[in-house]
Protein backbone atom coordinates (compact mmCIF):
# COMPACT_ATOMS: atom_id res chain seq x y z
CA MET A 1 -4.68 -1.50 -8.93
CA GLU A 2 -4.31 -2.88 -5.40
CA LYS A 3 -5.11 -6.52 -5.12
CA GLU A 4 -4.87 -8.83 -2.09
CA LYS A 5 -2.17 -11.45 -2.52
CA GLN A 6 -4.48 -14.38 -1.78
CA LYS A 7 -7.46 -12.90 -3.54
CA GLU A 8 -9.82 -15.88 -3.84
CA PRO A 9 -10.09 -16.95 -0.16
CA LYS A 10 -10.17 -13.30 0.95
CA LEU A 11 -13.03 -12.33 -1.33
CA LYS A 12 -15.04 -15.45 -0.55
CA ARG A 13 -14.78 -14.60 3.15
CA VAL A 14 -16.04 -11.09 2.44
CA PHE A 15 -19.16 -12.31 0.65
CA LEU A 16 -19.87 -15.20 3.03
CA GLN A 17 -19.52 -12.94 6.06
CA LYS A 18 -22.18 -10.59 4.72
CA LYS A 19 -24.61 -13.51 4.38
CA TYR A 20 -23.82 -14.70 7.90
CA ASN A 21 -24.36 -11.22 9.33
CA LEU A 22 -27.75 -10.99 7.65
CA LEU A 23 -28.89 -14.34 9.08
CA THR A 24 -27.65 -13.40 12.53
CA THR A 25 -29.45 -10.04 12.40
CA VAL A 26 -32.74 -11.67 11.43
CA LEU A 27 -32.51 -14.33 14.19
CA VAL A 28 -31.62 -11.78 16.84
CA ALA A 29 -34.51 -9.58 15.73
CA VAL A 30 -36.95 -12.45 16.09
CA CYS A 31 -35.66 -13.44 19.55
CA VAL A 32 -35.74 -9.91 20.92
CA ALA A 33 -39.24 -9.40 19.53
CA LEU A 34 -40.51 -12.53 21.22
CA LEU A 35 -38.94 -11.57 24.53
CA SER A 36 -39.98 -7.92 24.53
CA GLY A 37 -43.29 -8.14 22.77
CA GLY A 38 -42.14 -6.25 19.69
CA GLY A 39 -40.23 -3.08 18.86
CA VAL A 40 -37.53 -4.47 16.53
CA PHE A 41 -39.59 -5.96 13.71
CA TRP A 42 -38.67 -2.90 11.62
CA LEU A 43 -35.09 -4.15 11.35
CA MET A 44 -36.04 -7.64 10.24
CA ASP A 45 -38.63 -6.19 7.89
CA ARG A 46 -36.01 -3.97 6.23
CA GLN A 47 -33.64 -6.91 5.71
CA VAL A 48 -36.41 -9.13 4.31
CA LYS A 49 -37.62 -6.37 1.98
CA GLY A 50 -34.06 -5.98 0.75
CA LEU A 51 -33.95 -9.67 -0.13
CA GLU A 52 -37.34 -9.48 -1.80
CA SER A 53 -36.23 -6.51 -3.88
CA ALA A 54 -33.10 -8.35 -4.98
CA ASN A 55 -35.11 -11.44 -5.91
CA GLN A 56 -37.52 -9.33 -7.95
CA ALA A 57 -34.62 -7.70 -9.81
CA MET A 58 -33.02 -11.07 -10.59
CA GLY A 59 -36.37 -12.34 -11.77
CA LYS A 60 -36.65 -9.45 -14.19
CA ILE A 61 -33.14 -10.07 -15.50
CA ASN A 62 -34.04 -13.74 -16.00
CA THR A 63 -37.23 -12.80 -17.88
CA VAL A 64 -35.34 -10.46 -20.23
CA TYR A 65 -32.66 -13.11 -20.81
CA ASN A 66 -35.25 -15.76 -21.76
CA ALA A 67 -37.19 -13.32 -23.95
CA LEU A 68 -34.08 -12.44 -25.92
CA TYR A 69 -32.71 -15.97 -26.12
CA TYR A 70 -35.94 -17.61 -27.30
CA ASN A 71 -37.70 -14.81 -29.18
CA TYR A 72 -35.05 -12.57 -30.80
CA TYR A 73 -35.46 -12.69 -34.60
CA LYS A 74 -32.14 -14.49 -35.05
CA ASP A 75 -30.06 -16.85 -32.94
CA VAL A 76 -28.01 -15.27 -30.18
CA SER A 77 -25.46 -17.09 -28.02
CA GLN A 78 -26.04 -17.59 -24.33
CA GLN A 79 -22.51 -16.37 -23.61
CA LYS A 80 -23.10 -13.12 -25.44
CA LEU A 81 -26.22 -12.42 -23.40
CA VAL A 82 -24.57 -13.34 -20.11
CA ASP A 83 -21.48 -11.26 -20.83
CA GLY A 84 -23.69 -8.36 -21.89
CA ALA A 85 -25.70 -8.52 -18.66
CA LEU A 86 -22.57 -8.71 -16.51
CA ASN A 87 -20.83 -5.88 -18.36
CA GLY A 88 -23.99 -3.78 -18.16
CA MET A 89 -24.20 -4.11 -14.37
CA VAL A 90 -20.53 -3.23 -14.00
CA GLU A 91 -20.74 -0.25 -16.37
CA ALA A 92 -23.75 1.09 -14.44
CA LEU A 93 -21.36 1.87 -11.55
CA GLY A 94 -19.42 4.39 -13.62
CA ASP A 95 -16.18 3.10 -12.08
CA PRO A 96 -13.41 2.49 -14.64
CA PHE A 97 -11.57 0.23 -12.19
CA THR A 98 -14.47 -2.18 -11.68
CA GLU A 99 -14.81 -4.52 -14.65
CA TYR A 100 -15.90 -7.97 -15.75
CA MET A 101 -12.92 -9.62 -17.47
CA ASN A 102 -12.99 -12.46 -19.98
CA ALA A 103 -10.57 -15.39 -19.65
CA THR A 104 -7.82 -13.71 -21.69
CA GLU A 105 -8.04 -10.44 -19.76
CA SER A 106 -8.07 -12.34 -16.47
CA GLN A 107 -4.94 -14.27 -17.45
CA GLU A 108 -3.14 -11.08 -18.46
CA LEU A 109 -4.03 -9.46 -15.13
CA ASN A 110 -2.85 -12.46 -13.15
CA ASP A 111 0.36 -12.62 -15.17
CA SER A 112 1.11 -8.98 -14.36
CA ILE A 113 0.37 -9.52 -10.67
CA SER A 114 2.30 -12.78 -10.30
CA GLY A 115 5.26 -11.29 -12.15
CA SER A 116 5.47 -14.24 -14.53
CA PHE A 117 3.87 -15.63 -17.68
CA GLY A 118 4.00 -18.62 -19.97
CA GLY A 119 6.40 -18.04 -22.84
CA ILE A 120 9.74 -18.85 -24.43
CA GLY A 121 11.96 -16.34 -22.61
CA ALA A 122 13.15 -14.03 -25.37
CA GLN A 123 13.44 -10.26 -25.08
CA VAL A 124 12.50 -9.03 -28.55
CA GLN A 125 12.34 -5.76 -30.45
CA LYS A 126 10.99 -4.50 -33.75
CA SER A 127 13.82 -3.63 -36.11
CA GLY A 128 12.40 -2.21 -39.33
CA SER A 129 9.97 -4.90 -40.50
CA GLU A 130 11.76 -7.64 -38.56
CA ILE A 131 11.18 -9.16 -35.12
CA LYS A 132 14.64 -9.52 -33.63
CA ILE A 133 15.81 -11.21 -30.41
CA MET A 134 17.57 -8.71 -28.16
CA SER A 135 18.68 -11.32 -25.62
CA PRO A 136 17.56 -14.76 -24.47
CA ILE A 137 16.71 -14.95 -20.76
CA ALA A 138 19.03 -17.40 -18.98
CA GLY A 139 17.52 -20.79 -18.21
CA THR A 140 14.48 -20.34 -20.46
CA PRO A 141 13.44 -22.36 -23.55
CA THR A 142 14.99 -19.74 -25.85
CA ALA A 143 18.39 -19.99 -24.15
CA LYS A 144 18.27 -23.80 -23.93
CA ALA A 145 17.49 -24.01 -27.66
CA GLY A 146 20.64 -22.04 -28.46
CA LEU A 147 18.91 -18.95 -29.84
CA LYS A 148 21.05 -15.83 -29.69
CA ALA A 149 20.92 -12.05 -29.68
CA ASN A 150 20.28 -10.58 -33.15
CA ASP A 151 18.55 -13.75 -34.38
CA VAL A 152 15.59 -12.70 -36.54
CA ILE A 153 12.25 -14.46 -35.98
CA VAL A 154 10.86 -14.78 -39.50
CA LYS A 155 7.99 -17.17 -38.71
CA ILE A 156 5.90 -18.16 -35.68
CA ASP A 157 4.05 -21.47 -36.04
CA GLY A 158 4.76 -21.37 -39.76
CA ARG A 159 3.35 -17.89 -40.37
CA SER A 160 5.49 -15.00 -41.58
CA THR A 161 6.10 -12.21 -39.06
CA LYS A 162 6.82 -9.65 -41.79
CA ASP A 163 3.73 -7.53 -41.13
CA TYR A 164 3.38 -8.35 -37.41
CA SER A 165 3.45 -5.67 -34.76
CA LEU A 166 5.75 -6.35 -31.83
CA ASN A 167 2.73 -6.89 -29.56
CA LYS A 168 1.22 -9.46 -31.91
CA ALA A 169 4.47 -11.41 -32.15
CA VAL A 170 4.88 -11.40 -28.37
CA SER A 171 1.28 -12.54 -27.80
CA LEU A 172 1.74 -15.46 -30.22
CA MET A 173 4.91 -16.63 -28.48
CA ARG A 174 3.28 -16.42 -25.05
CA GLY A 175 0.80 -19.08 -23.97
CA LYS A 176 -0.02 -21.79 -21.49
CA VAL A 177 2.95 -23.41 -19.78
CA GLY A 178 3.68 -26.80 -21.36
CA THR A 179 2.30 -25.97 -24.81
CA LYS A 180 4.54 -25.79 -27.88
CA VAL A 181 5.35 -23.04 -30.36
CA SER A 182 7.66 -23.19 -33.37
CA VAL A 183 9.89 -20.26 -34.35
CA THR A 184 11.75 -20.00 -37.63
CA ILE A 185 15.05 -18.17 -37.19
CA LYS A 186 17.26 -16.37 -39.70
CA ARG A 187 20.91 -16.10 -38.67
CA ASN A 188 23.75 -14.99 -40.96
CA GLY A 189 21.87 -15.97 -44.11
CA THR A 190 20.83 -19.38 -42.74
CA THR A 191 17.25 -20.25 -41.79
CA PHE A 192 16.22 -22.95 -39.32
CA THR A 193 13.20 -23.83 -37.17
CA LYS A 194 13.05 -24.67 -33.47
CA THR A 195 10.03 -26.05 -31.62
CA LEU A 196 10.00 -24.74 -28.05
CA THR A 197 7.91 -25.79 -25.06
CA ARG A 198 6.58 -22.76 -23.23
CA ALA A 199 7.67 -22.42 -19.61
CA LYS A 200 6.98 -20.09 -16.72
CA ILE A 201 9.00 -16.94 -17.38
CA PRO A 202 9.70 -14.70 -14.36
CA VAL A 203 9.47 -10.96 -14.88
CA LYS A 204 11.91 -8.86 -12.88
CA THR A 205 10.24 -5.68 -11.63
CA VAL A 206 13.27 -4.00 -10.03
CA GLU A 207 16.53 -2.97 -11.71
CA GLY A 208 19.40 -1.10 -10.07
CA LYS A 209 22.75 0.46 -10.93
CA LEU A 210 25.14 3.14 -9.72
CA ALA A 211 24.62 6.55 -11.30
CA THR A 212 27.30 7.25 -13.89
CA GLU A 213 27.47 10.87 -12.68
CA ASP A 214 28.13 9.90 -9.05
CA LYS A 215 29.12 6.38 -8.02
CA GLN A 216 27.81 6.97 -4.49
CA VAL A 217 24.25 7.37 -5.79
CA GLY A 218 22.24 4.21 -6.40
CA TYR A 219 19.53 4.34 -9.07
CA ILE A 220 16.63 1.86 -8.68
CA GLN A 221 13.79 1.53 -11.18
CA VAL A 222 10.58 -0.19 -10.05
CA THR A 223 8.33 -0.98 -13.03
CA SER A 224 5.37 -2.56 -11.16
CA PHE A 225 4.38 -4.01 -7.79
CA SER A 226 4.17 -7.77 -8.31
CA GLU A 227 4.50 -10.69 -5.91
CA ASN A 228 8.29 -10.48 -5.51
CA THR A 229 8.85 -6.74 -5.87
CA ALA A 230 9.64 -6.00 -2.20
CA LYS A 231 12.09 -8.91 -2.11
CA GLU A 232 13.74 -7.75 -5.34
CA PHE A 233 13.94 -4.20 -4.00
CA LYS A 234 15.66 -5.31 -0.79
CA GLN A 235 18.19 -7.38 -2.75
CA THR A 236 18.88 -4.45 -5.10
CA VAL A 237 19.50 -2.04 -2.21
CA GLN A 238 21.86 -4.52 -0.57
CA SER A 239 23.75 -5.03 -3.83
CA LEU A 240 24.15 -1.29 -4.45
CA ARG A 241 25.30 -0.71 -0.89
CA LYS A 242 28.11 -3.22 -1.43
CA LYS A 243 29.09 -1.32 -4.59
CA GLY A 244 29.36 1.94 -2.64
CA ALA A 245 25.92 3.56 -2.79
CA LYS A 246 25.36 6.09 0.01
CA SER A 247 22.01 7.44 -1.24
CA PHE A 248 19.23 6.29 -3.57
CA ILE A 249 17.01 7.43 -6.42
CA ILE A 250 13.84 5.30 -6.62
CA ASP A 251 12.14 5.69 -9.99
CA VAL A 252 8.42 4.78 -10.08
CA ARG A 253 7.60 6.86 -13.15
CA ASN A 254 5.13 5.10 -15.46
CA ASN A 255 4.64 2.41 -12.81
CA PRO A 256 0.91 1.54 -12.95
CA GLY A 257 0.84 -0.08 -9.51
CA GLY A 258 -0.04 -3.62 -8.50
CA LEU A 259 -0.19 -5.41 -5.17
CA MET A 260 -0.94 -3.33 -2.08
CA ASP A 261 1.03 -5.61 0.26
CA GLN A 262 4.19 -5.01 -1.79
CA ALA A 263 3.71 -1.23 -1.64
CA LEU A 264 3.26 -1.49 2.14
CA ALA A 265 6.38 -3.62 2.55
CA MET A 266 8.53 -1.28 0.47
CA SER A 267 7.15 1.82 2.19
CA SER A 268 7.83 0.35 5.62
CA MET A 269 11.52 0.04 4.71
CA PHE A 270 11.76 3.85 4.66
CA VAL A 271 9.49 4.66 7.61
CA GLU A 272 10.16 4.45 11.34
CA ASN A 273 8.19 1.66 13.03
CA GLY A 274 4.85 2.83 14.38
CA LYS A 275 4.41 5.67 11.89
CA PRO A 276 1.43 5.48 9.50
CA ILE A 277 1.90 4.36 5.90
CA LEU A 278 -1.63 4.05 4.62
CA GLN A 279 -5.30 4.26 5.58
CA VAL A 280 -7.91 2.04 3.92
CA VAL A 281 -11.58 2.99 4.20
CA GLY A 282 -14.25 0.46 3.27
CA ARG A 283 -17.98 0.71 2.86
CA ASP A 284 -18.51 1.20 6.60
CA GLY A 285 -16.44 4.41 6.55
CA LYS A 286 -14.08 3.21 9.28
CA PRO A 287 -10.38 3.60 8.40
CA THR A 288 -7.90 0.77 8.88
CA VAL A 289 -4.48 2.30 9.49
CA TYR A 290 -1.35 0.44 8.35
CA LYS A 291 1.86 1.38 10.17
CA ALA A 292 5.50 0.62 9.50
CA SER A 293 6.66 -2.50 11.32
CA ASN A 294 9.13 -5.36 11.30
CA GLU A 295 6.26 -7.58 10.25
CA LEU A 296 5.94 -5.62 7.01
CA ASP A 297 9.62 -5.06 6.16
CA ASP A 298 11.27 -8.01 8.01
CA GLY A 299 13.37 -5.53 9.95
CA PHE A 300 15.08 -4.17 6.81
CA LYS A 301 15.36 -0.38 6.76
CA VAL A 302 16.69 2.15 4.25
CA LYS A 303 17.90 5.16 6.20
CA GLU A 304 20.07 6.68 3.48
CA LYS A 305 18.98 9.97 1.92
CA SER A 306 16.56 9.10 -0.90
CA ILE A 307 14.61 10.70 -3.73
CA VAL A 308 11.53 9.28 -5.45
CA LEU A 309 10.80 10.10 -9.10
CA ILE A 310 7.11 10.27 -10.09
CA ASN A 311 5.08 11.38 -13.10
CA GLY A 312 1.58 11.17 -14.58
CA GLY A 313 2.06 7.45 -15.18
CA SER A 314 2.73 6.72 -11.50
CA ALA A 315 -0.51 5.28 -10.18
CA SER A 316 -2.10 3.30 -7.39
CA ALA A 317 0.57 1.31 -5.47
CA SER A 318 3.22 3.71 -6.80
CA GLU A 319 1.29 6.58 -5.24
CA ILE A 320 0.91 4.69 -1.95
CA PHE A 321 4.70 4.34 -1.86
CA ALA A 322 5.40 7.95 -2.86
CA ALA A 323 2.87 9.41 -0.42
CA ALA A 324 4.10 7.27 2.48
CA LEU A 325 7.70 8.37 1.96
CA LYS A 326 6.71 12.01 1.46
CA GLN A 327 4.59 12.23 4.63
CA SER A 328 6.14 9.66 6.99
CA GLY A 329 9.61 8.97 5.60
CA ASN A 330 12.81 10.56 6.80
CA ASN A 331 14.66 12.92 4.47
CA VAL A 332 12.80 11.83 1.29
CA THR A 333 12.08 14.22 -1.62
CA LEU A 334 9.70 13.71 -4.55
CA ILE A 335 10.88 14.97 -7.95
CA GLY A 336 9.01 14.91 -11.27
CA THR A 337 5.44 15.75 -12.25
CA LYS A 338 2.05 15.21 -10.60
CA SER A 339 1.08 11.54 -10.29
CA TYR A 340 -1.98 9.91 -11.87
CA GLY A 341 -4.40 10.03 -8.93
CA LYS A 342 -5.91 6.58 -8.29
CA GLY A 343 -7.06 6.26 -4.71
CA THR A 344 -9.15 3.09 -4.76
CA VAL A 345 -8.50 -0.54 -3.87
CA GLN A 346 -9.64 -3.46 -6.01
CA ASN A 347 -10.06 -7.18 -5.44
CA THR A 348 -11.18 -9.96 -7.75
CA LEU A 349 -13.88 -12.62 -7.71
CA PRO A 350 -12.78 -15.55 -9.91
CA PHE A 351 -15.23 -17.86 -11.69
CA LYS A 352 -14.83 -21.47 -12.80
CA ASP A 353 -14.75 -20.49 -16.49
CA LYS A 354 -11.56 -18.46 -15.79
CA THR A 355 -13.33 -15.12 -16.06
CA GLU A 356 -13.13 -12.66 -13.16
CA LEU A 357 -14.98 -9.74 -11.66
CA LYS A 358 -12.58 -7.00 -10.59
CA LEU A 359 -14.36 -4.66 -8.22
CA THR A 360 -13.52 -1.64 -6.10
CA ILE A 361 -13.88 -2.56 -2.43
CA ALA A 362 -12.40 0.48 -0.66
CA LYS A 363 -10.58 3.76 -1.03
CA TRP A 364 -7.13 4.46 0.37
CA LEU A 365 -5.85 7.61 2.05
CA THR A 366 -2.33 8.93 2.57
CA PRO A 367 -0.84 8.82 6.11
CA ASP A 368 -2.37 12.22 6.96
CA GLY A 369 -5.82 11.16 5.70
CA THR A 370 -5.78 12.79 2.25
CA TRP A 371 -7.66 11.10 -0.61
CA ILE A 372 -5.61 11.71 -3.75
CA HIS A 373 -8.16 10.18 -6.13
CA LYS A 374 -8.33 12.16 -9.40
CA LYS A 375 -5.97 14.72 -7.83
CA GLY A 376 -2.62 12.98 -7.74
CA ILE A 377 0.44 13.76 -5.65
CA LYS A 378 2.44 16.89 -6.34
CA PRO A 379 6.23 16.52 -6.26
CA ASP A 380 8.43 18.70 -4.08
CA VAL A 381 10.47 19.61 -7.16
CA GLU A 382 8.93 19.92 -10.65
CA ALA A 383 11.02 18.39 -13.46
CA ASP A 384 10.20 16.46 -16.61
CA TYR A 385 11.43 15.14 -19.94
CA PRO A 386 11.49 17.58 -22.88
CA ASP A 387 8.07 18.21 -24.49
CA VAL A 388 9.06 16.18 -27.54
CA ALA A 389 8.89 13.03 -25.39
CA TYR A 390 5.11 13.31 -25.38
CA LEU A 391 4.56 13.64 -29.13
CA THR A 392 2.46 10.88 -30.68
CA ALA A 393 4.22 8.39 -32.92
CA ILE A 394 4.23 9.18 -36.65
CA ASP A 395 2.26 6.86 -38.93
CA THR A 396 4.92 5.01 -40.95
CA ALA A 397 2.37 3.61 -43.40
CA LYS A 398 2.52 6.99 -45.15
CA THR A 399 5.31 8.94 -46.85
CA TYR A 400 5.48 12.68 -46.15
CA GLN A 401 6.66 15.12 -48.80
CA GLU A 402 6.78 18.73 -49.92
CA GLY A 403 3.41 20.44 -50.26
CA GLN A 404 1.60 18.32 -47.67
CA ASN A 405 0.15 19.63 -44.42
CA SER A 406 -0.75 17.52 -41.35
CA LYS A 407 -0.28 17.03 -37.61
CA GLN A 408 2.06 14.13 -38.41
CA ILE A 409 4.35 16.51 -40.30
CA LYS A 410 4.21 18.97 -37.41
CA ASN A 411 5.46 16.21 -35.09
CA LEU A 412 8.18 15.37 -37.60
CA GLN A 413 9.30 19.00 -37.68
CA GLN A 414 9.43 19.23 -33.88
CA MET A 415 11.53 16.07 -33.74
CA LEU A 416 13.99 17.42 -36.32
CA VAL A 417 14.36 20.67 -34.36
CA PHE A 418 14.96 18.64 -31.17
CA LEU A 419 17.72 16.77 -32.99
CA GLY A 420 19.38 20.05 -33.93
CA TYR A 421 18.19 20.63 -37.50
CA ASP A 422 17.43 24.21 -38.56
CA LEU A 423 13.71 24.74 -39.08
CA ASP A 424 11.67 27.91 -38.72
CA GLU A 425 8.47 26.23 -39.90
CA LYS A 426 6.84 23.93 -37.31
CA SER A 427 3.17 24.36 -38.22
CA GLY A 428 2.76 21.06 -40.08
CA TYR A 429 3.33 22.40 -43.61
CA PHE A 430 6.05 20.47 -45.47
CA ASN A 431 7.90 23.34 -47.18
CA GLU A 432 11.27 23.60 -48.92
CA GLN A 433 13.11 24.15 -45.61
CA THR A 434 11.56 20.98 -44.18
CA LYS A 435 12.65 19.07 -47.28
CA GLN A 436 16.22 20.35 -46.84
CA ALA A 437 16.21 19.32 -43.18
CA VAL A 438 15.02 15.82 -44.09
CA GLU A 439 17.70 15.56 -46.81
CA LYS A 440 20.40 16.61 -44.37
CA TYR A 441 19.18 14.09 -41.79
CA GLN A 442 19.21 11.32 -44.41
CA THR A 443 22.75 12.30 -45.44
CA ASP A 444 23.97 12.43 -41.83
CA ASN A 445 22.56 8.98 -41.05
CA GLY A 446 23.43 7.01 -44.17
CA LEU A 447 19.89 6.86 -45.55
CA THR A 448 18.81 7.18 -49.16
CA VAL A 449 18.54 10.91 -49.81
CA THR A 450 15.07 11.65 -51.19
CA GLY A 451 13.86 14.68 -49.25
CA THR A 452 10.72 12.74 -48.38
CA ALA A 453 10.05 11.24 -44.96
CA ASP A 454 9.47 7.57 -45.75
CA LYS A 455 9.16 4.71 -43.26
CA ALA A 456 12.91 4.16 -42.85
CA THR A 457 13.54 7.88 -42.30
CA VAL A 458 10.72 8.30 -39.77
CA GLU A 459 11.74 5.21 -37.79
CA SER A 460 15.35 6.44 -37.70
CA ILE A 461 14.30 9.91 -36.52
CA GLU A 462 12.07 8.48 -33.78
CA ALA A 463 14.86 6.19 -32.57
CA LYS A 464 17.30 9.13 -32.38
CA VAL A 465 14.72 11.22 -30.51
CA ALA A 466 14.08 8.42 -28.01
CA GLN A 467 17.80 8.11 -27.34
CA LYS A 468 18.25 11.85 -26.84
CA VAL A 469 15.15 12.06 -24.60
CA THR A 470 16.64 9.40 -22.36
CA GLU A 471 19.81 11.48 -22.15
CA SER A 472 17.70 14.58 -21.37
CA ASP A 473 16.00 13.22 -18.25
CA ASN A 474 15.70 16.43 -16.25
CA ALA A 475 14.06 14.80 -13.22
CA TYR A 476 16.85 12.25 -12.95
CA GLN A 477 19.53 14.90 -13.41
CA LYS A 478 18.02 17.05 -10.64
CA ALA A 479 17.88 14.03 -8.35
CA VAL A 480 21.55 13.24 -8.90
CA GLU A 481 22.51 16.88 -8.33
CA LYS A 482 20.51 17.06 -5.10
CA LEU A 483 22.01 13.85 -3.71
CA SER A 484 25.52 14.90 -4.73
CA GLU A 485 25.36 18.25 -2.89
């Protein structure tokens, strides 16, 4: 989603300007009619009829609202009716990117855009049935309270986390800056509780390192386009240059997008000043062309040979960046799979009750005028993770054993084959050979040997698969090979 950095003033200007234009049109029509004796009343008449039609529609909505609120056979809340009306109008557009968001959804969106959120500053993971701290973020409440890596969070606000999903635990620890949350920690057999005051936690959207295969290749992963992404990207490039990087891999796979101004700034770094980066076409059909400039990139350019990695999860601002480098950049190659294909621009209208209307205000085109909406961007070189990377997770609430048949077992069999275990049967039927493969896996990995795929076995298999998939990143490997030629 592309969203203007200062969304509220911008959107208010858009709506107010439309009202002003209407008033001006009506006044001009009246003046010209008086001076010329007529001939332009049709224009004023059309505008007035438009207002009348809108007033009639709002009157009908008001009548339905009152009828339901006062006459429905049981009590119904005003908020439910209002939300229903708003959602109904939005859904009538058939646009999945235009939506009315409640206060929680609005806050989540703004957190993702601002690149920060209220929380305690702990990177956590699910380890079996436990919520474990991977690392405390420096300078955050977690670090200041002395919490450490491998600490287990057994309670949040006095409630056991035993059956919590990772998402639920994270959502409970996040909250409004300045509010408090207590976490009960288990460390080396000892349990203690800390009460932490939530603070603003910055989210870094750019990470960089030198490729292990070639220390002259810099690898940069961009996970989203938030308020500080272009700045982080520039700092990462500068750091990798000092370490010896002579070329770059920019990974925007599974990057859902974000702020349009950040995509423009990053794109401009790779494009010669004056060349087009993006075209934005609003309701009037007239394109606004954005070109590379010092104003966008502050005079910072990346002229080294570069490769951009994309896939089906690269959307919106990621596609703006990839398309700009492909069509206007110098010596840039795209490697991966076809991108998502989101070619529209959104903005938001905030309300006093902290809800927001996110609406599509324009479509964007690539530098050569192509609209990639629902089509995506094709890479120059096709490469992807192994097929097993796209298997759905196995339900660990069940135990799988000989004689059963299901899609879950089929996924299990494919994972075992990927890990090197001998299996002819991959149809989803748990036969004797599958049982032997499970037994061998359990033996090899220090698990209780039962021949059945219980929760511990499935979680272990999935973790091993994830690790091997990461090591089997064909797109990344091709990028390194191409830059090392």
